[in-house]
Amino acid sequence: MHMTKRQALQTSLIYLATAGMGLGRTGYALGQTGPAYEVTPWAGPMAAFEGSSLLDTTGKTWRLDDLRGRAVLLNFWASWCEPCRAEMPTLQQVADLYGPDKLLVLAINYKETASRALQFAKTTGVTLPILLDITGKTATQWGVKVFPTTLSVNSRGQPQQRIKGEVDWTGSASAKLIEGLIKT
């Protein structure tokens, strides 16, 4: 069968459109409006959390043991990570919505200088506390291999979940996750 140029062009456009739709779906989970992410129960060692501390960009020391009494999201990110850049404003919004007494959101920068982390915060309007994991040791201890990764910790200081990938923290699925965390 011989195709005209017009038929060949139409066939090519249909093929490209179909292929494009398939590629788009690979980055999204069914029913989600944003990139896919994975939520799994915490299965790491509790020892990784006990006695852990990090400095923030102001020089303040943050100890996980001192955060009991409120739910905590520990978000591991880097300025070179595009999904991290996209996710950060929604983390800021959810932190502002709940307030630090109910839900504390800590942004843990991976292997970058304080000045680079502060520049990122300035350009994105983020005012979350930014902790520094300059050596990457904390990320390694806590099993973080994908960026962004967020660890949820209940008010008793117990890690609950590991959330890998970009999340829209203002979405309904995230609201359920946060409400469940606050109640535990």
N, C-alpha and C. Protein backbone atom coordinates (compact mmCIF):
# COMPACT_ATOMS: atom_id res chain seq x y z
N MET A 1 0.84 -1.17 0.00
CA MET A 1 0.00 0.00 0.00
C MET A 1 0.89 1.24 0.00
N HIS A 2 0.59 2.16 -0.87
CA HIS A 2 1.38 3.38 -1.00
C HIS A 2 0.63 4.54 -0.36
N MET A 3 1.30 5.29 0.53
CA MET A 3 0.66 6.43 1.21
C MET A 3 1.04 7.73 0.53
N THR A 4 0.09 8.63 0.54
CA THR A 4 0.39 9.98 0.07
C THR A 4 1.19 10.69 1.15
N LYS A 5 1.78 11.81 0.79
CA LYS A 5 2.54 12.58 1.78
C LYS A 5 1.64 13.01 2.94
N ARG A 6 0.42 13.38 2.62
CA ARG A 6 -0.53 13.81 3.65
C ARG A 6 -0.84 12.66 4.61
N GLN A 7 -1.10 11.47 4.08
CA GLN A 7 -1.39 10.31 4.91
C GLN A 7 -0.18 9.94 5.78
N ALA A 8 1.00 10.03 5.20
CA ALA A 8 2.22 9.72 5.95
C ALA A 8 2.40 10.71 7.10
N LEU A 9 2.15 11.99 6.81
CA LEU A 9 2.25 13.01 7.85
C LEU A 9 1.23 12.78 8.95
N GLN A 10 -0.02 12.47 8.58
CA GLN A 10 -1.06 12.20 9.58
C GLN A 10 -0.69 10.99 10.43
N THR A 11 -0.20 9.95 9.80
CA THR A 11 0.20 8.74 10.53
C THR A 11 1.34 9.06 11.49
N SER A 12 2.31 9.84 11.03
CA SER A 12 3.43 10.22 11.89
C SER A 12 2.96 11.05 13.08
N LEU A 13 2.06 11.99 12.84
CA LEU A 13 1.55 12.82 13.93
C LEU A 13 0.78 12.00 14.95
N ILE A 14 -0.03 11.06 14.47
CA ILE A 14 -0.78 10.18 15.38
C ILE A 14 0.19 9.35 16.21
N TYR A 15 1.22 8.80 15.55
CA TYR A 15 2.21 8.00 16.26
C TYR A 15 2.92 8.83 17.33
N LEU A 16 3.35 10.04 16.97
CA LEU A 16 4.04 10.90 17.94
C LEU A 16 3.14 11.29 19.10
N ALA A 17 1.89 11.59 18.81
CA ALA A 17 0.95 11.96 19.87
C ALA A 17 0.73 10.79 20.81
N THR A 18 0.56 9.59 20.25
CA THR A 18 0.36 8.40 21.07
C THR A 18 1.60 8.11 21.91
N ALA A 19 2.76 8.20 21.30
CA ALA A 19 4.01 7.97 22.04
C ALA A 19 4.17 9.00 23.14
N GLY A 20 3.84 10.24 22.84
CA GLY A 20 3.94 11.31 23.84
C GLY A 20 3.03 11.07 25.02
N MET A 21 1.81 10.58 24.76
CA MET A 21 0.89 10.29 25.86
C MET A 21 1.44 9.17 26.72
N GLY A 22 2.03 8.17 26.11
CA GLY A 22 2.61 7.07 26.87
C GLY A 22 3.76 7.53 27.73
N LEU A 23 4.61 8.39 27.18
CA LEU A 23 5.73 8.91 27.97
C LEU A 23 5.24 9.74 29.13
N GLY A 24 4.21 10.52 28.90
CA GLY A 24 3.65 11.34 29.97
C GLY A 24 3.13 10.50 31.11
N ARG A 25 2.54 9.38 30.79
CA ARG A 25 1.98 8.53 31.83
C ARG A 25 3.05 7.83 32.66
N THR A 26 4.21 7.59 32.09
CA THR A 26 5.23 6.89 32.86
C THR A 26 5.70 7.72 34.05
N GLY A 27 5.59 9.03 33.98
CA GLY A 27 6.02 9.88 35.08
C GLY A 27 4.91 10.18 36.06
N TYR A 28 3.72 9.67 35.83
CA TYR A 28 2.57 9.98 36.67
C TYR A 28 1.87 8.70 37.08
N ALA A 29 1.42 8.66 38.30
CA ALA A 29 0.65 7.52 38.76
C ALA A 29 -0.81 7.74 38.41
N LEU A 30 -1.54 6.67 38.23
CA LEU A 30 -2.94 6.75 37.87
C LEU A 30 -3.71 7.57 38.91
N GLY A 31 -4.45 8.55 38.45
CA GLY A 31 -5.25 9.37 39.35
C GLY A 31 -4.51 10.54 39.97
N GLN A 32 -3.23 10.68 39.70
CA GLN A 32 -2.46 11.79 40.25
C GLN A 32 -2.35 12.89 39.22
N THR A 33 -2.23 14.10 39.69
CA THR A 33 -2.04 15.22 38.77
C THR A 33 -0.58 15.64 38.72
N GLY A 34 0.26 15.06 39.52
CA GLY A 34 1.67 15.42 39.54
C GLY A 34 2.53 14.19 39.36
N PRO A 35 3.82 14.38 39.35
CA PRO A 35 4.73 13.25 39.19
C PRO A 35 4.51 12.18 40.26
N ALA A 36 4.82 10.96 39.90
CA ALA A 36 4.61 9.83 40.80
C ALA A 36 5.57 9.90 41.99
N TYR A 37 5.10 9.42 43.11
CA TYR A 37 5.95 9.28 44.29
C TYR A 37 5.58 7.97 44.96
N GLU A 38 6.45 7.52 45.83
CA GLU A 38 6.26 6.23 46.49
C GLU A 38 6.28 6.43 48.00
N VAL A 39 5.25 5.93 48.67
CA VAL A 39 5.17 5.99 50.13
C VAL A 39 5.32 4.58 50.66
N THR A 40 6.32 4.37 51.53
CA THR A 40 6.52 3.06 52.14
C THR A 40 6.68 3.24 53.65
N PRO A 41 6.26 2.24 54.42
CA PRO A 41 6.46 2.32 55.87
C PRO A 41 7.96 2.36 56.18
N TRP A 42 8.31 3.04 57.25
CA TRP A 42 9.72 3.09 57.67
C TRP A 42 10.17 1.69 58.04
N ALA A 43 11.23 1.24 57.43
CA ALA A 43 11.76 -0.08 57.72
C ALA A 43 13.23 -0.01 58.12
N GLY A 44 13.73 1.19 58.26
CA GLY A 44 15.13 1.37 58.62
C GLY A 44 15.37 1.20 60.11
N PRO A 45 16.61 1.22 60.51
CA PRO A 45 16.93 1.06 61.93
C PRO A 45 16.57 2.31 62.73
N MET A 46 16.03 2.11 63.92
CA MET A 46 15.72 3.23 64.80
C MET A 46 17.01 3.94 65.23
N ALA A 47 18.11 3.21 65.27
CA ALA A 47 19.38 3.79 65.70
C ALA A 47 19.80 4.96 64.82
N ALA A 48 19.34 4.97 63.56
CA ALA A 48 19.69 6.07 62.66
C ALA A 48 19.14 7.39 63.18
N PHE A 49 18.03 7.34 63.90
CA PHE A 49 17.40 8.55 64.39
C PHE A 49 17.87 8.95 65.78
N GLU A 50 18.24 7.99 66.60
CA GLU A 50 18.59 8.28 67.98
C GLU A 50 19.87 9.10 68.07
N GLY A 51 19.78 10.23 68.72
CA GLY A 51 20.94 11.08 68.91
C GLY A 51 21.36 11.87 67.68
N SER A 52 20.57 11.81 66.62
CA SER A 52 20.93 12.53 65.39
C SER A 52 20.81 14.03 65.58
N SER A 53 21.76 14.76 64.99
CA SER A 53 21.69 16.22 65.04
C SER A 53 22.34 16.80 63.78
N LEU A 54 21.84 17.96 63.38
CA LEU A 54 22.39 18.69 62.24
C LEU A 54 22.36 20.18 62.54
N LEU A 55 23.26 20.91 61.92
CA LEU A 55 23.26 22.37 62.02
C LEU A 55 22.42 22.94 60.89
N ASP A 56 21.77 24.08 61.18
CA ASP A 56 21.05 24.76 60.11
C ASP A 56 21.92 25.90 59.57
N THR A 57 21.37 26.64 58.64
CA THR A 57 22.14 27.71 57.98
C THR A 57 22.44 28.89 58.90
N THR A 58 21.79 28.94 60.07
CA THR A 58 22.08 30.01 61.04
C THR A 58 23.05 29.57 62.12
N GLY A 59 23.43 28.28 62.11
CA GLY A 59 24.33 27.74 63.12
C GLY A 59 23.63 27.04 64.26
N LYS A 60 22.30 27.02 64.24
CA LYS A 60 21.53 26.34 65.29
C LYS A 60 21.63 24.83 65.10
N THR A 61 21.77 24.11 66.23
CA THR A 61 21.79 22.65 66.21
C THR A 61 20.38 22.12 66.40
N TRP A 62 19.97 21.23 65.51
CA TRP A 62 18.67 20.58 65.60
C TRP A 62 18.89 19.12 65.96
N ARG A 63 18.27 18.69 67.06
CA ARG A 63 18.34 17.29 67.50
C ARG A 63 16.96 16.67 67.36
N LEU A 64 16.92 15.53 66.73
CA LEU A 64 15.63 14.87 66.52
C LEU A 64 14.95 14.58 67.84
N ASP A 65 15.73 14.24 68.85
CA ASP A 65 15.15 13.94 70.17
C ASP A 65 14.41 15.15 70.74
N ASP A 66 14.82 16.35 70.37
CA ASP A 66 14.19 17.58 70.89
C ASP A 66 12.87 17.91 70.19
N LEU A 67 12.53 17.18 69.15
CA LEU A 67 11.36 17.52 68.35
C LEU A 67 10.11 16.76 68.76
N ARG A 68 10.21 15.93 69.78
CA ARG A 68 9.04 15.17 70.24
C ARG A 68 7.91 16.12 70.62
N GLY A 69 6.69 15.65 70.44
CA GLY A 69 5.54 16.47 70.79
C GLY A 69 4.86 17.08 69.57
N ARG A 70 5.46 16.92 68.41
CA ARG A 70 4.84 17.40 67.17
C ARG A 70 5.29 16.51 66.01
N ALA A 71 4.46 16.45 65.01
CA ALA A 71 4.80 15.69 63.81
C ALA A 71 5.89 16.44 63.05
N VAL A 72 6.75 15.68 62.36
CA VAL A 72 7.87 16.28 61.65
C VAL A 72 7.98 15.66 60.25
N LEU A 73 8.24 16.50 59.27
CA LEU A 73 8.62 16.05 57.93
C LEU A 73 10.07 16.45 57.72
N LEU A 74 10.92 15.47 57.43
CA LEU A 74 12.33 15.70 57.13
C LEU A 74 12.50 15.53 55.63
N ASN A 75 12.69 16.63 54.92
CA ASN A 75 12.76 16.60 53.47
C ASN A 75 14.21 16.74 53.01
N PHE A 76 14.73 15.69 52.38
CA PHE A 76 16.09 15.70 51.84
C PHE A 76 16.03 16.22 50.40
N TRP A 77 16.84 17.22 50.11
CA TRP A 77 16.79 17.87 48.80
C TRP A 77 18.16 18.42 48.43
N ALA A 78 18.27 18.85 47.18
CA ALA A 78 19.48 19.53 46.69
C ALA A 78 19.05 20.55 45.65
N SER A 79 19.81 21.62 45.52
CA SER A 79 19.43 22.69 44.60
C SER A 79 19.51 22.26 43.14
N TRP A 80 20.31 21.24 42.83
CA TRP A 80 20.44 20.76 41.46
C TRP A 80 19.32 19.81 41.06
N CYS A 81 18.49 19.45 42.00
CA CYS A 81 17.42 18.46 41.79
C CYS A 81 16.14 19.18 41.35
N GLU A 82 15.75 19.00 40.08
CA GLU A 82 14.56 19.68 39.56
C GLU A 82 13.28 19.30 40.31
N PRO A 83 13.03 18.00 40.61
CA PRO A 83 11.83 17.67 41.39
C PRO A 83 11.84 18.33 42.77
N CYS A 84 13.03 18.47 43.36
CA CYS A 84 13.14 19.16 44.66
C CYS A 84 12.72 20.61 44.52
N ARG A 85 13.16 21.24 43.46
CA ARG A 85 12.83 22.65 43.22
C ARG A 85 11.33 22.82 43.03
N ALA A 86 10.71 21.87 42.34
CA ALA A 86 9.27 21.95 42.09
C ALA A 86 8.47 21.69 43.36
N GLU A 87 8.95 20.78 44.20
CA GLU A 87 8.23 20.38 45.40
C GLU A 87 8.31 21.40 46.54
N MET A 88 9.42 22.09 46.65
CA MET A 88 9.70 22.94 47.81
C MET A 88 8.62 23.98 48.11
N PRO A 89 8.07 24.68 47.13
CA PRO A 89 7.03 25.66 47.46
C PRO A 89 5.80 25.03 48.12
N THR A 90 5.45 23.79 47.74
CA THR A 90 4.28 23.15 48.37
C THR A 90 4.61 22.71 49.80
N LEU A 91 5.86 22.37 50.06
CA LEU A 91 6.28 22.07 51.44
C LEU A 91 6.16 23.33 52.30
N GLN A 92 6.57 24.45 51.74
CA GLN A 92 6.45 25.72 52.46
C GLN A 92 4.98 26.02 52.76
N GLN A 93 4.11 25.80 51.79
CA GLN A 93 2.68 26.07 51.99
C GLN A 93 2.09 25.20 53.09
N VAL A 94 2.45 23.91 53.10
CA VAL A 94 1.89 23.03 54.13
C VAL A 94 2.47 23.37 55.50
N ALA A 95 3.72 23.77 55.55
CA ALA A 95 4.32 24.20 56.83
C ALA A 95 3.61 25.44 57.35
N ASP A 96 3.31 26.37 56.46
CA ASP A 96 2.59 27.59 56.86
C ASP A 96 1.17 27.27 57.30
N LEU A 97 0.53 26.33 56.64
CA LEU A 97 -0.85 25.96 56.95
C LEU A 97 -0.98 25.37 58.36
N TYR A 98 -0.11 24.42 58.70
CA TYR A 98 -0.22 23.73 59.99
C TYR A 98 0.50 24.46 61.12
N GLY A 99 1.57 25.17 60.80
CA GLY A 99 2.35 25.84 61.84
C GLY A 99 3.33 24.88 62.49
N PRO A 100 4.47 25.38 62.99
CA PRO A 100 5.53 24.52 63.52
C PRO A 100 5.20 23.80 64.82
N ASP A 101 4.17 24.23 65.54
CA ASP A 101 3.80 23.52 66.76
C ASP A 101 3.05 22.24 66.47
N LYS A 102 2.40 22.18 65.32
CA LYS A 102 1.63 21.00 64.93
C LYS A 102 2.41 20.12 63.95
N LEU A 103 3.05 20.75 62.97
CA LEU A 103 3.83 20.05 61.95
C LEU A 103 5.08 20.86 61.65
N LEU A 104 6.22 20.31 61.99
CA LEU A 104 7.49 20.97 61.71
C LEU A 104 8.07 20.38 60.43
N VAL A 105 8.36 21.23 59.47
CA VAL A 105 8.96 20.79 58.21
C VAL A 105 10.40 21.28 58.19
N LEU A 106 11.33 20.33 58.11
CA LEU A 106 12.75 20.66 58.06
C LEU A 106 13.30 20.25 56.70
N ALA A 107 13.91 21.18 56.01
CA ALA A 107 14.51 20.94 54.70
C ALA A 107 15.98 20.62 54.90
N ILE A 108 16.37 19.39 54.61
CA ILE A 108 17.75 18.95 54.83
C ILE A 108 18.49 18.95 53.49
N ASN A 109 19.40 19.90 53.35
CA ASN A 109 20.15 20.03 52.11
C ASN A 109 21.26 18.99 52.04
N TYR A 110 21.40 18.37 50.88
CA TYR A 110 22.36 17.29 50.67
C TYR A 110 23.63 17.81 50.00
N LYS A 111 24.72 17.76 50.75
CA LYS A 111 26.08 17.99 50.25
C LYS A 111 26.30 19.32 49.54
N GLU A 112 25.67 20.38 50.02
CA GLU A 112 25.92 21.70 49.45
C GLU A 112 26.29 22.67 50.57
N THR A 113 26.90 23.76 50.20
CA THR A 113 27.30 24.76 51.19
C THR A 113 26.08 25.52 51.69
N ALA A 114 26.25 26.15 52.84
CA ALA A 114 25.17 26.97 53.40
C ALA A 114 24.80 28.09 52.44
N SER A 115 25.79 28.69 51.80
CA SER A 115 25.49 29.80 50.88
C SER A 115 24.67 29.33 49.68
N ARG A 116 24.96 28.15 49.17
CA ARG A 116 24.17 27.63 48.04
C ARG A 116 22.74 27.33 48.49
N ALA A 117 22.60 26.73 49.67
CA ALA A 117 21.26 26.42 50.19
C ALA A 117 20.47 27.70 50.44
N LEU A 118 21.13 28.71 50.98
CA LEU A 118 20.46 30.00 51.23
C LEU A 118 20.07 30.70 49.93
N GLN A 119 20.92 30.58 48.92
CA GLN A 119 20.59 31.17 47.62
C GLN A 119 19.34 30.50 47.04
N PHE A 120 19.27 29.18 47.18
CA PHE A 120 18.08 28.45 46.72
C PHE A 120 16.84 28.95 47.46
N ALA A 121 16.94 29.08 48.77
CA ALA A 121 15.81 29.55 49.58
C ALA A 121 15.38 30.95 49.14
N LYS A 122 16.35 31.79 48.89
CA LYS A 122 16.05 33.16 48.48
C LYS A 122 15.31 33.19 47.14
N THR A 123 15.78 32.41 46.18
CA THR A 123 15.16 32.43 44.85
C THR A 123 13.79 31.76 44.82
N THR A 124 13.52 30.87 45.76
CA THR A 124 12.23 30.17 45.78
C THR A 124 11.27 30.73 46.83
N GLY A 125 11.75 31.64 47.68
CA GLY A 125 10.88 32.20 48.71
C GLY A 125 10.65 31.27 49.89
N VAL A 126 11.48 30.26 50.03
CA VAL A 126 11.34 29.29 51.12
C VAL A 126 11.92 29.87 52.41
N THR A 127 11.14 29.75 53.49
CA THR A 127 11.59 30.22 54.80
C THR A 127 11.68 29.08 55.81
N LEU A 128 11.55 27.85 55.34
CA LEU A 128 11.67 26.68 56.21
C LEU A 128 13.07 26.65 56.83
N PRO A 129 13.21 26.05 58.01
CA PRO A 129 14.56 25.83 58.52
C PRO A 129 15.31 24.91 57.55
N ILE A 130 16.51 25.32 57.17
CA ILE A 130 17.33 24.53 56.25
C ILE A 130 18.50 23.97 57.02
N LEU A 131 18.51 22.64 57.16
CA LEU A 131 19.59 21.94 57.84
C LEU A 131 20.60 21.49 56.80
N LEU A 132 21.85 21.34 57.21
CA LEU A 132 22.92 21.02 56.27
C LEU A 132 23.50 19.64 56.52
N ASP A 133 23.43 18.80 55.52
CA ASP A 133 24.07 17.48 55.53
C ASP A 133 25.24 17.56 54.55
N ILE A 134 26.24 18.32 54.92
CA ILE A 134 27.34 18.65 54.02
C ILE A 134 28.11 17.42 53.56
N THR A 135 28.28 16.44 54.43
CA THR A 135 29.04 15.24 54.06
C THR A 135 28.15 14.15 53.43
N GLY A 136 26.85 14.26 53.60
CA GLY A 136 25.94 13.23 53.11
C GLY A 136 25.78 12.07 54.07
N LYS A 137 26.43 12.16 55.23
CA LYS A 137 26.39 11.06 56.21
C LYS A 137 24.97 10.80 56.72
N THR A 138 24.23 11.86 57.00
CA THR A 138 22.87 11.69 57.53
C THR A 138 21.98 11.02 56.49
N ALA A 139 22.06 11.47 55.25
CA ALA A 139 21.27 10.85 54.19
C ALA A 139 21.61 9.36 54.07
N THR A 140 22.88 9.03 54.15
CA THR A 140 23.30 7.63 54.07
C THR A 140 22.77 6.83 55.26
N GLN A 141 22.91 7.37 56.48
CA GLN A 141 22.41 6.69 57.68
C GLN A 141 20.92 6.41 57.58
N TRP A 142 20.19 7.33 57.01
CA TRP A 142 18.74 7.21 56.95
C TRP A 142 18.25 6.57 55.66
N GLY A 143 19.19 6.06 54.86
CA GLY A 143 18.82 5.31 53.66
C GLY A 143 18.25 6.15 52.54
N VAL A 144 18.62 7.41 52.47
CA VAL A 144 18.12 8.29 51.41
C VAL A 144 19.00 8.12 50.18
N LYS A 145 18.38 7.67 49.08
CA LYS A 145 19.12 7.45 47.83
C LYS A 145 18.48 8.19 46.66
N VAL A 146 17.29 8.72 46.86
CA VAL A 146 16.53 9.41 45.82
C VAL A 146 16.19 10.80 46.33
N PHE A 147 16.25 11.79 45.46
CA PHE A 147 15.90 13.15 45.85
C PHE A 147 14.75 13.65 44.99
N PRO A 148 13.76 14.26 45.61
CA PRO A 148 13.62 14.45 47.05
C PRO A 148 13.14 13.17 47.73
N THR A 149 13.49 13.02 48.99
CA THR A 149 12.93 12.00 49.86
C THR A 149 12.51 12.69 51.14
N THR A 150 11.31 12.37 51.60
CA THR A 150 10.79 12.95 52.84
C THR A 150 10.53 11.82 53.82
N LEU A 151 11.00 11.98 55.04
CA LEU A 151 10.73 11.03 56.11
C LEU A 151 9.72 11.67 57.05
N SER A 152 8.67 10.92 57.37
CA SER A 152 7.68 11.43 58.32
C SER A 152 7.96 10.82 59.69
N VAL A 153 7.89 11.66 60.71
CA VAL A 153 8.17 11.26 62.08
C VAL A 153 7.00 11.70 62.95
N ASN A 154 6.46 10.77 63.75
CA ASN A 154 5.31 11.13 64.58
C ASN A 154 5.73 11.92 65.82
N SER A 155 4.75 12.33 66.60
CA SER A 155 5.02 13.19 67.76
C SER A 155 5.80 12.49 68.87
N ARG A 156 5.90 11.17 68.80
CA ARG A 156 6.70 10.41 69.77
C ARG A 156 8.14 10.23 69.29
N GLY A 157 8.46 10.85 68.14
CA GLY A 157 9.82 10.76 67.61
C GLY A 157 10.10 9.48 66.85
N GLN A 158 9.04 8.78 66.45
CA GLN A 158 9.20 7.52 65.73
C GLN A 158 9.01 7.73 64.23
N PRO A 159 9.98 7.31 63.42
CA PRO A 159 9.81 7.43 61.97
C PRO A 159 8.65 6.56 61.51
N GLN A 160 7.84 7.09 60.63
CA GLN A 160 6.65 6.38 60.16
C GLN A 160 6.74 5.95 58.70
N GLN A 161 7.12 6.89 57.84
CA GLN A 161 7.11 6.61 56.41
C GLN A 161 8.28 7.26 55.71
N ARG A 162 8.60 6.66 54.56
CA ARG A 162 9.58 7.23 53.63
C ARG A 162 8.81 7.56 52.36
N ILE A 163 8.90 8.80 51.92
CA ILE A 163 8.20 9.24 50.72
C ILE A 163 9.25 9.64 49.70
N LYS A 164 9.39 8.82 48.64
CA LYS A 164 10.40 9.06 47.60
C LYS A 164 9.75 9.75 46.42
N GLY A 165 10.38 10.83 45.98
CA GLY A 165 9.91 11.52 44.79
C GLY A 165 9.18 12.81 45.11
N GLU A 166 8.85 13.53 44.05
CA GLU A 166 8.20 14.83 44.17
C GLU A 166 6.74 14.67 44.56
N VAL A 167 6.34 15.41 45.58
CA VAL A 167 4.97 15.38 46.10
C VAL A 167 4.38 16.78 46.03
N ASP A 168 3.12 16.86 45.66
CA ASP A 168 2.39 18.12 45.82
C ASP A 168 1.80 18.08 47.22
N TRP A 169 2.46 18.73 48.16
CA TRP A 169 2.07 18.66 49.56
C TRP A 169 0.77 19.40 49.84
N THR A 170 0.22 20.10 48.86
CA THR A 170 -1.06 20.77 49.03
C THR A 170 -2.22 19.92 48.51
N GLY A 171 -1.93 18.74 47.97
CA GLY A 171 -2.96 17.86 47.42
C GLY A 171 -3.71 17.08 48.48
N SER A 172 -4.83 16.47 48.08
CA SER A 172 -5.67 15.74 49.04
C SER A 172 -4.99 14.48 49.57
N ALA A 173 -4.23 13.77 48.73
CA ALA A 173 -3.53 12.57 49.21
C ALA A 173 -2.50 12.95 50.28
N SER A 174 -1.82 14.05 50.08
CA SER A 174 -0.84 14.52 51.06
C SER A 174 -1.51 14.96 52.35
N ALA A 175 -2.67 15.60 52.22
CA ALA A 175 -3.41 16.04 53.41
C ALA A 175 -3.77 14.84 54.28
N LYS A 176 -4.19 13.74 53.65
CA LYS A 176 -4.52 12.52 54.40
C LYS A 176 -3.28 11.98 55.11
N LEU A 177 -2.16 11.97 54.40
CA LEU A 177 -0.91 11.49 54.99
C LEU A 177 -0.52 12.34 56.20
N ILE A 178 -0.61 13.65 56.06
CA ILE A 178 -0.22 14.56 57.14
C ILE A 178 -1.18 14.45 58.32
N GLU A 179 -2.47 14.42 58.05
CA GLU A 179 -3.46 14.28 59.14
C GLU A 179 -3.24 12.98 59.90
N GLY A 180 -2.96 11.90 59.17
CA GLY A 180 -2.66 10.62 59.82
C GLY A 180 -1.41 10.70 60.68
N LEU A 181 -0.40 11.41 60.20
CA LEU A 181 0.84 11.57 60.94
C LEU A 181 0.62 12.37 62.22
N ILE A 182 -0.15 13.43 62.12
CA ILE A 182 -0.41 14.28 63.28
C ILE A 182 -1.17 13.52 64.36
N LYS A 183 -2.04 12.60 63.95
CA LYS A 183 -2.85 11.84 64.91
C LYS A 183 -2.08 10.72 65.60
N THR A 184 -0.92 10.30 65.04
CA THR A 184 -0.19 9.18 65.64
C THR A 184 0.72 9.62 66.76
